[in-house]
Amino acid sequence: KAYRDTHKQYPARLVIHKTSPFNDAEKSGIERALVEV
């Protein structure tokens, strides 16, 4: 939302970095957000 508010569109590419491996709950939350967008 912050990106879209600034640029008036969603990013064409999204890279998510984390210092530790993603667990299943984090992956599910990320996927749910992406499906909605």
PDB file of all heavy atoms in Angstrom:
ATOM      1  N   LYS A   1       0.836  -1.203   0.000  1.00  0.00           N
ATOM      2  CA  LYS A   1       0.000   0.000   0.000  1.00  0.00           C
ATOM      3  C   LYS A   1       0.870   1.252   0.000  1.00  0.00           C
ATOM      4  O   LYS A   1       0.599   2.208  -0.739  1.00  0.00           O
ATOM      5  CB  LYS A   1      -0.935   0.012   1.198  1.00  0.00           C
ATOM      6  CG  LYS A   1      -1.838   1.242   1.237  1.00  0.00           C
ATOM      7  CD  LYS A   1      -2.704   1.273   2.472  1.00  0.00           C
ATOM      8  CE  LYS A   1      -3.631   2.459   2.532  1.00  0.00           C
ATOM      9  NZ  LYS A   1      -3.132   3.730   2.099  1.00  0.00           N
ATOM     10  N   ALA A   2       1.930   1.257   0.799  1.00  0.00           N
ATOM     11  CA  ALA A   2       2.829   2.407   0.842  1.00  0.00           C
ATOM     12  C   ALA A   2       3.476   2.633  -0.521  1.00  0.00           C
ATOM     13  O   ALA A   2       3.594   3.774  -0.987  1.00  0.00           O
ATOM     14  CB  ALA A   2       3.903   2.199   1.908  1.00  0.00           C
ATOM     15  N   TYR A   3       3.875   1.562  -1.178  1.00  0.00           N
ATOM     16  CA  TYR A   3       4.462   1.669  -2.512  1.00  0.00           C
ATOM     17  C   TYR A   3       3.435   2.241  -3.494  1.00  0.00           C
ATOM     18  O   TYR A   3       3.724   3.170  -4.246  1.00  0.00           O
ATOM     19  CB  TYR A   3       4.952   0.301  -2.990  1.00  0.00           C
ATOM     20  CG  TYR A   3       5.709   0.373  -4.287  1.00  0.00           C
ATOM     21  CD1 TYR A   3       7.090   0.451  -4.293  1.00  0.00           C
ATOM     22  CD2 TYR A   3       5.043   0.370  -5.510  1.00  0.00           C
ATOM     23  CE1 TYR A   3       7.796   0.520  -5.485  1.00  0.00           C
ATOM     24  CE2 TYR A   3       5.734   0.447  -6.706  1.00  0.00           C
ATOM     25  CZ  TYR A   3       7.111   0.520  -6.688  1.00  0.00           C
ATOM     26  OH  TYR A   3       7.804   0.599  -7.867  1.00  0.00           O
ATOM     27  N   ARG A   4       2.233   1.675  -3.450  1.00  0.00           N
ATOM     28  CA  ARG A   4       1.192   2.133  -4.386  1.00  0.00           C
ATOM     29  C   ARG A   4       0.790   3.588  -4.125  1.00  0.00           C
ATOM     30  O   ARG A   4       0.543   4.349  -5.057  1.00  0.00           O
ATOM     31  CB  ARG A   4      -0.027   1.236  -4.306  1.00  0.00           C
ATOM     32  CG  ARG A   4      -1.055   1.614  -5.334  1.00  0.00           C
ATOM     33  CD  ARG A   4      -2.171   0.650  -5.402  1.00  0.00           C
ATOM     34  NE  ARG A   4      -3.106   1.123  -6.427  1.00  0.00           N
ATOM     35  CZ  ARG A   4      -4.083   0.439  -6.897  1.00  0.00           C
ATOM     36  NH1 ARG A   4      -4.304  -0.767  -6.467  1.00  0.00           N
ATOM     37  NH2 ARG A   4      -4.863   0.947  -7.805  1.00  0.00           N
ATOM     38  N   ASP A   5       0.716   3.983  -2.876  1.00  0.00           N
ATOM     39  CA  ASP A   5       0.373   5.371  -2.548  1.00  0.00           C
ATOM     40  C   ASP A   5       1.393   6.346  -3.127  1.00  0.00           C
ATOM     41  O   ASP A   5       1.046   7.443  -3.554  1.00  0.00           O
ATOM     42  CB  ASP A   5       0.279   5.566  -1.034  1.00  0.00           C
ATOM     43  CG  ASP A   5      -0.944   4.906  -0.427  1.00  0.00           C
ATOM     44  OD1 ASP A   5      -1.849   4.474  -1.179  1.00  0.00           O
ATOM     45  OD2 ASP A   5      -0.991   4.807   0.818  1.00  0.00           O
ATOM     46  N   THR A   6       2.646   5.940  -3.157  1.00  0.00           N
ATOM     47  CA  THR A   6       3.714   6.795  -3.668  1.00  0.00           C
ATOM     48  C   THR A   6       3.809   6.759  -5.189  1.00  0.00           C
ATOM     49  O   THR A   6       3.956   7.789  -5.835  1.00  0.00           O
ATOM     50  CB  THR A   6       5.073   6.375  -3.069  1.00  0.00           C
ATOM     51  OG1 THR A   6       4.988   6.510  -1.654  1.00  0.00           O
ATOM     52  CG2 THR A   6       6.206   7.224  -3.595  1.00  0.00           C
ATOM     53  N   HIS A   7       3.707   5.570  -5.773  1.00  0.00           N
ATOM     54  CA  HIS A   7       3.969   5.383  -7.207  1.00  0.00           C
ATOM     55  C   HIS A   7       2.712   5.192  -8.057  1.00  0.00           C
ATOM     56  O   HIS A   7       2.809   5.027  -9.269  1.00  0.00           O
ATOM     57  CB  HIS A   7       4.912   4.200  -7.409  1.00  0.00           C
ATOM     58  CG  HIS A   7       6.240   4.401  -6.771  1.00  0.00           C
ATOM     59  ND1 HIS A   7       7.204   5.222  -7.290  1.00  0.00           N
ATOM     60  CD2 HIS A   7       6.762   3.907  -5.615  1.00  0.00           C
ATOM     61  CE1 HIS A   7       8.268   5.215  -6.506  1.00  0.00           C
ATOM     62  NE2 HIS A   7       8.016   4.434  -5.477  1.00  0.00           N
ATOM     63  N   LYS A   8       1.556   5.155  -7.418  1.00  0.00           N
ATOM     64  CA  LYS A   8       0.270   5.007  -8.119  1.00  0.00           C
ATOM     65  C   LYS A   8       0.108   3.672  -8.842  1.00  0.00           C
ATOM     66  O   LYS A   8      -0.760   3.520  -9.693  1.00  0.00           O
ATOM     67  CB  LYS A   8       0.028   6.155  -9.119  1.00  0.00           C
ATOM     68  CG  LYS A   8       0.235   7.525  -8.545  1.00  0.00           C
ATOM     69  CD  LYS A   8      -0.666   7.783  -7.368  1.00  0.00           C
ATOM     70  CE  LYS A   8      -0.439   9.190  -6.822  1.00  0.00           C
ATOM     71  NZ  LYS A   8      -0.466   9.272  -5.393  1.00  0.00           N
ATOM     72  N   GLN A   9       0.934   2.723  -8.522  1.00  0.00           N
ATOM     73  CA  GLN A   9       0.831   1.364  -9.060  1.00  0.00           C
ATOM     74  C   GLN A   9       1.611   0.432  -8.144  1.00  0.00           C
ATOM     75  O   GLN A   9       2.420   0.876  -7.344  1.00  0.00           O
ATOM     76  CB  GLN A   9       1.394   1.283 -10.473  1.00  0.00           C
ATOM     77  CG  GLN A   9       2.875   1.578 -10.550  1.00  0.00           C
ATOM     78  CD  GLN A   9       3.373   1.600 -11.987  1.00  0.00           C
ATOM     79  OE1 GLN A   9       2.600   1.720 -12.917  1.00  0.00           O
ATOM     80  NE2 GLN A   9       4.669   1.487 -12.158  1.00  0.00           N
ATOM     81  N   TYR A  10       1.357  -0.864  -8.288  1.00  0.00           N
ATOM     82  CA  TYR A  10       2.120  -1.846  -7.523  1.00  0.00           C
ATOM     83  C   TYR A  10       3.448  -2.103  -8.222  1.00  0.00           C
ATOM     84  O   TYR A  10       3.586  -1.867  -9.421  1.00  0.00           O
ATOM     85  CB  TYR A  10       1.334  -3.152  -7.399  1.00  0.00           C
ATOM     86  CG  TYR A  10       0.155  -3.040  -6.464  1.00  0.00           C
ATOM     87  CD1 TYR A  10      -1.143  -3.154  -6.936  1.00  0.00           C
ATOM     88  CD2 TYR A  10       0.346  -2.812  -5.112  1.00  0.00           C
ATOM     89  CE1 TYR A  10      -2.226  -3.051  -6.089  1.00  0.00           C
ATOM     90  CE2 TYR A  10      -0.738  -2.705  -4.246  1.00  0.00           C
ATOM     91  CZ  TYR A  10      -2.013  -2.828  -4.737  1.00  0.00           C
ATOM     92  OH  TYR A  10      -3.077  -2.713  -3.897  1.00  0.00           O
ATOM     93  N   PRO A  11       4.440  -2.597  -7.491  1.00  0.00           N
ATOM     94  CA  PRO A  11       5.730  -2.865  -8.126  1.00  0.00           C
ATOM     95  C   PRO A  11       5.607  -3.991  -9.160  1.00  0.00           C
ATOM     96  O   PRO A  11       4.799  -4.908  -9.009  1.00  0.00           O
ATOM     97  CB  PRO A  11       6.631  -3.289  -6.960  1.00  0.00           C
ATOM     98  CG  PRO A  11       5.703  -3.730  -5.884  1.00  0.00           C
ATOM     99  CD  PRO A  11       4.439  -2.952  -6.074  1.00  0.00           C
ATOM    100  N   ALA A  12       6.409  -3.904 -10.195  1.00  0.00           N
ATOM    101  CA  ALA A  12       6.425  -4.951 -11.220  1.00  0.00           C
ATOM    102  C   ALA A  12       7.155  -6.193 -10.703  1.00  0.00           C
ATOM    103  O   ALA A  12       6.908  -7.302 -11.164  1.00  0.00           O
ATOM    104  CB  ALA A  12       7.111  -4.436 -12.480  1.00  0.00           C
ATOM    105  N   ARG A  13       8.015  -5.996  -9.743  1.00  0.00           N
ATOM    106  CA  ARG A  13       8.824  -7.091  -9.209  1.00  0.00           C
ATOM    107  C   ARG A  13       8.896  -6.926  -7.701  1.00  0.00           C
ATOM    108  O   ARG A  13       9.052  -5.821  -7.195  1.00  0.00           O
ATOM    109  CB  ARG A  13      10.218  -7.018  -9.810  1.00  0.00           C
ATOM    110  CG  ARG A  13      11.164  -8.075  -9.343  1.00  0.00           C
ATOM    111  CD  ARG A  13      12.471  -7.984 -10.152  1.00  0.00           C
ATOM    112  NE  ARG A  13      13.414  -8.945  -9.670  1.00  0.00           N
ATOM    113  CZ  ARG A  13      14.563  -8.640  -9.095  1.00  0.00           C
ATOM    114  NH1 ARG A  13      14.915  -7.383  -8.937  1.00  0.00           N
ATOM    115  NH2 ARG A  13      15.376  -9.569  -8.679  1.00  0.00           N
ATOM    116  N   LEU A  14       8.821  -8.033  -6.987  1.00  0.00           N
ATOM    117  CA  LEU A  14       8.880  -8.004  -5.532  1.00  0.00           C
ATOM    118  C   LEU A  14       9.893  -9.036  -5.065  1.00  0.00           C
ATOM    119  O   LEU A  14       9.822 -10.203  -5.449  1.00  0.00           O
ATOM    120  CB  LEU A  14       7.499  -8.326  -4.949  1.00  0.00           C
ATOM    121  CG  LEU A  14       7.380  -8.355  -3.451  1.00  0.00           C
ATOM    122  CD1 LEU A  14       7.576  -6.956  -2.871  1.00  0.00           C
ATOM    123  CD2 LEU A  14       6.025  -8.906  -3.046  1.00  0.00           C
ATOM    124  N   VAL A  15      10.848  -8.605  -4.262  1.00  0.00           N
ATOM    125  CA  VAL A  15      11.833  -9.507  -3.668  1.00  0.00           C
ATOM    126  C   VAL A  15      11.749  -9.317  -2.164  1.00  0.00           C
ATOM    127  O   VAL A  15      11.838  -8.197  -1.673  1.00  0.00           O
ATOM    128  CB  VAL A  15      13.262  -9.196  -4.163  1.00  0.00           C
ATOM    129  CG1 VAL A  15      14.266 -10.119  -3.508  1.00  0.00           C
ATOM    130  CG2 VAL A  15      13.339  -9.289  -5.676  1.00  0.00           C
ATOM    131  N   ILE A  16      11.565 -10.399  -1.453  1.00  0.00           N
ATOM    132  CA  ILE A  16      11.460 -10.332   0.003  1.00  0.00           C
ATOM    133  C   ILE A  16      12.671 -11.044   0.594  1.00  0.00           C
ATOM    134  O   ILE A  16      12.896 -12.226   0.330  1.00  0.00           O
ATOM    135  CB  ILE A  16      10.155 -10.983   0.494  1.00  0.00           C
ATOM    136  CG1 ILE A  16       8.954 -10.306  -0.157  1.00  0.00           C
ATOM    137  CG2 ILE A  16      10.075 -10.920   2.016  1.00  0.00           C
ATOM    138  CD1 ILE A  16       7.638 -10.985   0.133  1.00  0.00           C
ATOM    139  N   HIS A  17      13.440 -10.306   1.392  1.00  0.00           N
ATOM    140  CA  HIS A  17      14.621 -10.870   2.048  1.00  0.00           C
ATOM    141  C   HIS A  17      14.363 -10.966   3.535  1.00  0.00           C
ATOM    142  O   HIS A  17      13.661 -10.137   4.100  1.00  0.00           O
ATOM    143  CB  HIS A  17      15.842  -9.972   1.831  1.00  0.00           C
ATOM    144  CG  HIS A  17      16.305  -9.916   0.431  1.00  0.00           C
ATOM    145  ND1 HIS A  17      17.127 -10.875  -0.110  1.00  0.00           N
ATOM    146  CD2 HIS A  17      16.064  -9.022  -0.547  1.00  0.00           C
ATOM    147  CE1 HIS A  17      17.379 -10.558  -1.369  1.00  0.00           C
ATOM    148  NE2 HIS A  17      16.740  -9.444  -1.659  1.00  0.00           N
ATOM    149  N   LYS A  18      14.977 -11.935   4.157  1.00  0.00           N
ATOM    150  CA  LYS A  18      14.849 -12.145   5.590  1.00  0.00           C
ATOM    151  C   LYS A  18      16.151 -12.767   6.072  1.00  0.00           C
ATOM    152  O   LYS A  18      16.791 -13.517   5.340  1.00  0.00           O
ATOM    153  CB  LYS A  18      13.649 -13.076   5.825  1.00  0.00           C
ATOM    154  CG  LYS A  18      13.235 -13.277   7.239  1.00  0.00           C
ATOM    155  CD  LYS A  18      11.918 -14.061   7.241  1.00  0.00           C
ATOM    156  CE  LYS A  18      11.451 -14.343   8.621  1.00  0.00           C
ATOM    157  NZ  LYS A  18      12.016 -15.545   9.197  1.00  0.00           N
ATOM    158  N   THR A  19      16.553 -12.454   7.291  1.00  0.00           N
ATOM    159  CA  THR A  19      17.834 -12.975   7.781  1.00  0.00           C
ATOM    160  C   THR A  19      17.758 -14.432   8.203  1.00  0.00           C
ATOM    161  O   THR A  19      18.783 -15.078   8.374  1.00  0.00           O
ATOM    162  CB  THR A  19      18.355 -12.136   8.964  1.00  0.00           C
ATOM    163  OG1 THR A  19      17.366 -12.149  10.000  1.00  0.00           O
ATOM    164  CG2 THR A  19      18.654 -10.716   8.538  1.00  0.00           C
ATOM    165  N   SER A  20      16.565 -14.967   8.368  1.00  0.00           N
ATOM    166  CA  SER A  20      16.389 -16.376   8.701  1.00  0.00           C
ATOM    167  C   SER A  20      15.407 -16.989   7.705  1.00  0.00           C
ATOM    168  O   SER A  20      14.696 -16.263   7.013  1.00  0.00           O
ATOM    169  CB  SER A  20      15.860 -16.522  10.136  1.00  0.00           C
ATOM    170  OG  SER A  20      14.604 -15.902  10.267  1.00  0.00           O
ATOM    171  N   PRO A  21      15.360 -18.306   7.619  1.00  0.00           N
ATOM    172  CA  PRO A  21      14.426 -18.935   6.683  1.00  0.00           C
ATOM    173  C   PRO A  21      12.970 -18.593   7.033  1.00  0.00           C
ATOM    174  O   PRO A  21      12.622 -18.413   8.201  1.00  0.00           O
ATOM    175  CB  PRO A  21      14.677 -20.431   6.870  1.00  0.00           C
ATOM    176  CG  PRO A  21      16.039 -20.530   7.461  1.00  0.00           C
ATOM    177  CD  PRO A  21      16.210 -19.301   8.298  1.00  0.00           C
ATOM    178  N   PHE A  22      12.124 -18.518   6.007  1.00  0.00           N
ATOM    179  CA  PHE A  22      10.698 -18.302   6.216  1.00  0.00           C
ATOM    180  C   PHE A  22      10.076 -19.585   6.739  1.00  0.00           C
ATOM    181  O   PHE A  22      10.404 -20.679   6.274  1.00  0.00           O
ATOM    182  CB  PHE A  22      10.007 -17.935   4.895  1.00  0.00           C
ATOM    183  CG  PHE A  22      10.369 -16.574   4.393  1.00  0.00           C
ATOM    184  CD1 PHE A  22      11.405 -16.407   3.481  1.00  0.00           C
ATOM    185  CD2 PHE A  22       9.685 -15.453   4.823  1.00  0.00           C
ATOM    186  CE1 PHE A  22      11.743 -15.149   3.010  1.00  0.00           C
ATOM    187  CE2 PHE A  22      10.012 -14.191   4.361  1.00  0.00           C
ATOM    188  CZ  PHE A  22      11.047 -14.035   3.454  1.00  0.00           C
ATOM    189  N   ASN A  23       9.158 -19.453   7.693  1.00  0.00           N
ATOM    190  CA  ASN A  23       8.418 -20.640   8.122  1.00  0.00           C
ATOM    191  C   ASN A  23       7.101 -20.699   7.344  1.00  0.00           C
ATOM    192  O   ASN A  23       6.777 -19.811   6.562  1.00  0.00           O
ATOM    193  CB  ASN A  23       8.215 -20.665   9.645  1.00  0.00           C
ATOM    194  CG  ASN A  23       7.296 -19.588  10.167  1.00  0.00           C
ATOM    195  OD1 ASN A  23       6.596 -18.907   9.409  1.00  0.00           O
ATOM    196  ND2 ASN A  23       7.266 -19.419  11.473  1.00  0.00           N
ATOM    197  N   ASP A  24       6.342 -21.769   7.554  1.00  0.00           N
ATOM    198  CA  ASP A  24       5.109 -21.963   6.785  1.00  0.00           C
ATOM    199  C   ASP A  24       4.089 -20.856   7.040  1.00  0.00           C
ATOM    200  O   ASP A  24       3.384 -20.432   6.118  1.00  0.00           O
ATOM    201  CB  ASP A  24       4.489 -23.331   7.094  1.00  0.00           C
ATOM    202  CG  ASP A  24       5.304 -24.482   6.523  1.00  0.00           C
ATOM    203  OD1 ASP A  24       6.107 -24.245   5.584  1.00  0.00           O
ATOM    204  OD2 ASP A  24       5.145 -25.617   7.011  1.00  0.00           O
ATOM    205  N   ALA A  25       3.982 -20.381   8.277  1.00  0.00           N
ATOM    206  CA  ALA A  25       3.017 -19.327   8.592  1.00  0.00           C
ATOM    207  C   ALA A  25       3.375 -18.034   7.868  1.00  0.00           C
ATOM    208  O   ALA A  25       2.497 -17.359   7.317  1.00  0.00           O
ATOM    209  CB  ALA A  25       2.968 -19.093  10.107  1.00  0.00           C
ATOM    210  N   GLU A  26       4.652 -17.691   7.850  1.00  0.00           N
ATOM    211  CA  GLU A  26       5.078 -16.482   7.135  1.00  0.00           C
ATOM    212  C   GLU A  26       4.806 -16.609   5.645  1.00  0.00           C
ATOM    213  O   GLU A  26       4.296 -15.682   5.013  1.00  0.00           O
ATOM    214  CB  GLU A  26       6.568 -16.221   7.385  1.00  0.00           C
ATOM    215  CG  GLU A  26       6.860 -15.809   8.806  1.00  0.00           C
ATOM    216  CD  GLU A  26       8.332 -15.846   9.143  1.00  0.00           C
ATOM    217  OE1 GLU A  26       9.070 -16.720   8.640  1.00  0.00           O
ATOM    218  OE2 GLU A  26       8.753 -14.993   9.950  1.00  0.00           O
ATOM    219  N   LYS A  27       5.117 -17.760   5.079  1.00  0.00           N
ATOM    220  CA  LYS A  27       4.855 -17.988   3.656  1.00  0.00           C
ATOM    221  C   LYS A  27       3.370 -17.860   3.345  1.00  0.00           C
ATOM    222  O   LYS A  27       2.986 -17.237   2.346  1.00  0.00           O
ATOM    223  CB  LYS A  27       5.350 -19.376   3.235  1.00  0.00           C
ATOM    224  CG  LYS A  27       6.846 -19.527   3.211  1.00  0.00           C
ATOM    225  CD  LYS A  27       7.192 -20.958   2.852  1.00  0.00           C
ATOM    226  CE  LYS A  27       8.640 -21.269   3.091  1.00  0.00           C
ATOM    227  NZ  LYS A  27       8.945 -22.696   2.841  1.00  0.00           N
ATOM    228  N   SER A  28       2.534 -18.413   4.189  1.00  0.00           N
ATOM    229  CA  SER A  28       1.086 -18.335   3.971  1.00  0.00           C
ATOM    230  C   SER A  28       0.591 -16.902   4.036  1.00  0.00           C
ATOM    231  O   SER A  28      -0.239 -16.479   3.223  1.00  0.00           O
ATOM    232  CB  SER A  28       0.341 -19.179   5.012  1.00  0.00           C
ATOM    233  OG  SER A  28       0.617 -20.541   4.827  1.00  0.00           O
ATOM    234  N   GLY A  29       1.078 -16.133   4.996  1.00  0.00           N
ATOM    235  CA  GLY A  29       0.671 -14.736   5.106  1.00  0.00           C
ATOM    236  C   GLY A  29       1.100 -13.923   3.906  1.00  0.00           C
ATOM    237  O   GLY A  29       0.337 -13.093   3.391  1.00  0.00           O
ATOM    238  N   ILE A  30       2.312 -14.165   3.431  1.00  0.00           N
ATOM    239  CA  ILE A  30       2.823 -13.454   2.254  1.00  0.00           C
ATOM    240  C   ILE A  30       2.004 -13.831   1.019  1.00  0.00           C
ATOM    241  O   ILE A  30       1.586 -12.967   0.251  1.00  0.00           O
ATOM    242  CB  ILE A  30       4.318 -13.780   2.057  1.00  0.00           C
ATOM    243  CG1 ILE A  30       5.140 -13.096   3.156  1.00  0.00           C
ATOM    244  CG2 ILE A  30       4.797 -13.363   0.676  1.00  0.00           C
ATOM    245  CD1 ILE A  30       6.575 -13.607   3.256  1.00  0.00           C
ATOM    246  N   GLU A  31       1.762 -15.116   0.832  1.00  0.00           N
ATOM    247  CA  GLU A  31       0.979 -15.563  -0.318  1.00  0.00           C
ATOM    248  C   GLU A  31      -0.437 -14.990  -0.284  1.00  0.00           C
ATOM    249  O   GLU A  31      -0.973 -14.583  -1.309  1.00  0.00           O
ATOM    250  CB  GLU A  31       0.944 -17.094  -0.366  1.00  0.00           C
ATOM    251  CG  GLU A  31       2.281 -17.684  -0.756  1.00  0.00           C
ATOM    252  CD  GLU A  31       2.324 -19.193  -0.631  1.00  0.00           C
ATOM    253  OE1 GLU A  31       1.284 -19.812  -0.311  1.00  0.00           O
ATOM    254  OE2 GLU A  31       3.403 -19.767  -0.827  1.00  0.00           O
ATOM    255  N   ARG A  32      -1.030 -14.941   0.890  1.00  0.00           N
ATOM    256  CA  ARG A  32      -2.391 -14.389   1.024  1.00  0.00           C
ATOM    257  C   ARG A  32      -2.422 -12.924   0.624  1.00  0.00           C
ATOM    258  O   ARG A  32      -3.324 -12.484  -0.098  1.00  0.00           O
ATOM    259  CB  ARG A  32      -2.852 -14.585   2.474  1.00  0.00           C
ATOM    260  CG  ARG A  32      -4.338 -14.455   2.648  1.00  0.00           C
ATOM    261  CD  ARG A  32      -4.744 -14.869   4.031  1.00  0.00           C
ATOM    262  NE  ARG A  32      -4.771 -13.690   4.872  1.00  0.00           N
ATOM    263  CZ  ARG A  32      -4.530 -13.669   6.172  1.00  0.00           C
ATOM    264  NH1 ARG A  32      -4.224 -14.776   6.805  1.00  0.00           N
ATOM    265  NH2 ARG A  32      -4.597 -12.548   6.854  1.00  0.00           N
ATOM    266  N   ALA A  33      -1.425 -12.164   1.043  1.00  0.00           N
ATOM    267  CA  ALA A  33      -1.361 -10.746   0.677  1.00  0.00           C
ATOM    268  C   ALA A  33      -1.176 -10.587  -0.832  1.00  0.00           C
ATOM    269  O   ALA A  33      -1.812  -9.735  -1.463  1.00  0.00           O
ATOM    270  CB  ALA A  33      -0.222 -10.061   1.432  1.00  0.00           C
ATOM    271  N   LEU A  34      -0.333 -11.401  -1.426  1.00  0.00           N
ATOM    272  CA  LEU A  34      -0.081 -11.295  -2.863  1.00  0.00           C
ATOM    273  C   LEU A  34      -1.305 -11.662  -3.687  1.00  0.00           C
ATOM    274  O   LEU A  34      -1.585 -11.025  -4.706  1.00  0.00           O
ATOM    275  CB  LEU A  34       1.116 -12.175  -3.256  1.00  0.00           C
ATOM    276  CG  LEU A  34       2.459 -11.707  -2.741  1.00  0.00           C
ATOM    277  CD1 LEU A  34       3.548 -12.716  -3.071  1.00  0.00           C
ATOM    278  CD2 LEU A  34       2.809 -10.337  -3.299  1.00  0.00           C
ATOM    279  N   VAL A  35      -2.049 -12.655  -3.251  1.00  0.00           N
ATOM    280  CA  VAL A  35      -3.264 -13.061  -3.964  1.00  0.00           C
ATOM    281  C   VAL A  35      -4.274 -11.916  -3.965  1.00  0.00           C
ATOM    282  O   VAL A  35      -4.925 -11.644  -4.971  1.00  0.00           O
ATOM    283  CB  VAL A  35      -3.871 -14.333  -3.342  1.00  0.00           C
ATOM    284  CG1 VAL A  35      -5.289 -14.568  -3.826  1.00  0.00           C
ATOM    285  CG2 VAL A  35      -3.001 -15.535  -3.657  1.00  0.00           C
ATOM    286  N   GLU A  36      -4.372 -11.200  -2.863  1.00  0.00           N
ATOM    287  CA  GLU A  36      -5.324 -10.093  -2.773  1.00  0.00           C
ATOM    288  C   GLU A  36      -4.930  -8.927  -3.678  1.00  0.00           C
ATOM    289  O   GLU A  36      -5.785  -8.197  -4.145  1.00  0.00           O
ATOM    290  CB  GLU A  36      -5.440  -9.601  -1.337  1.00  0.00           C
ATOM    291  CG  GLU A  36      -6.226 -10.533  -0.473  1.00  0.00           C
ATOM    292  CD  GLU A  36      -6.472  -9.966   0.901  1.00  0.00           C
ATOM    293  OE1 GLU A  36      -6.297  -8.743   1.097  1.00  0.00           O
ATOM    294  OE2 GLU A  36      -6.834 -10.756   1.788  1.00  0.00           O
ATOM    295  N   VAL A  37      -3.640  -8.744  -3.874  1.00  0.00           N
ATOM    296  CA  VAL A  37      -3.156  -7.632  -4.708  1.00  0.00           C
ATOM    297  C   VAL A  37      -3.184  -8.063  -6.157  1.00  0.00           C
ATOM    298  O   VAL A  37      -3.498  -7.349  -7.036  1.00  0.00           O
ATOM    299  CB  VAL A  37      -1.738  -7.223  -4.278  1.00  0.00           C
ATOM    300  CG1 VAL A  37      -1.146  -6.232  -5.245  1.00  0.00           C
ATOM    301  CG2 VAL A  37      -1.768  -6.652  -2.886  1.00  0.00           C
TER     302      VAL A  37
END
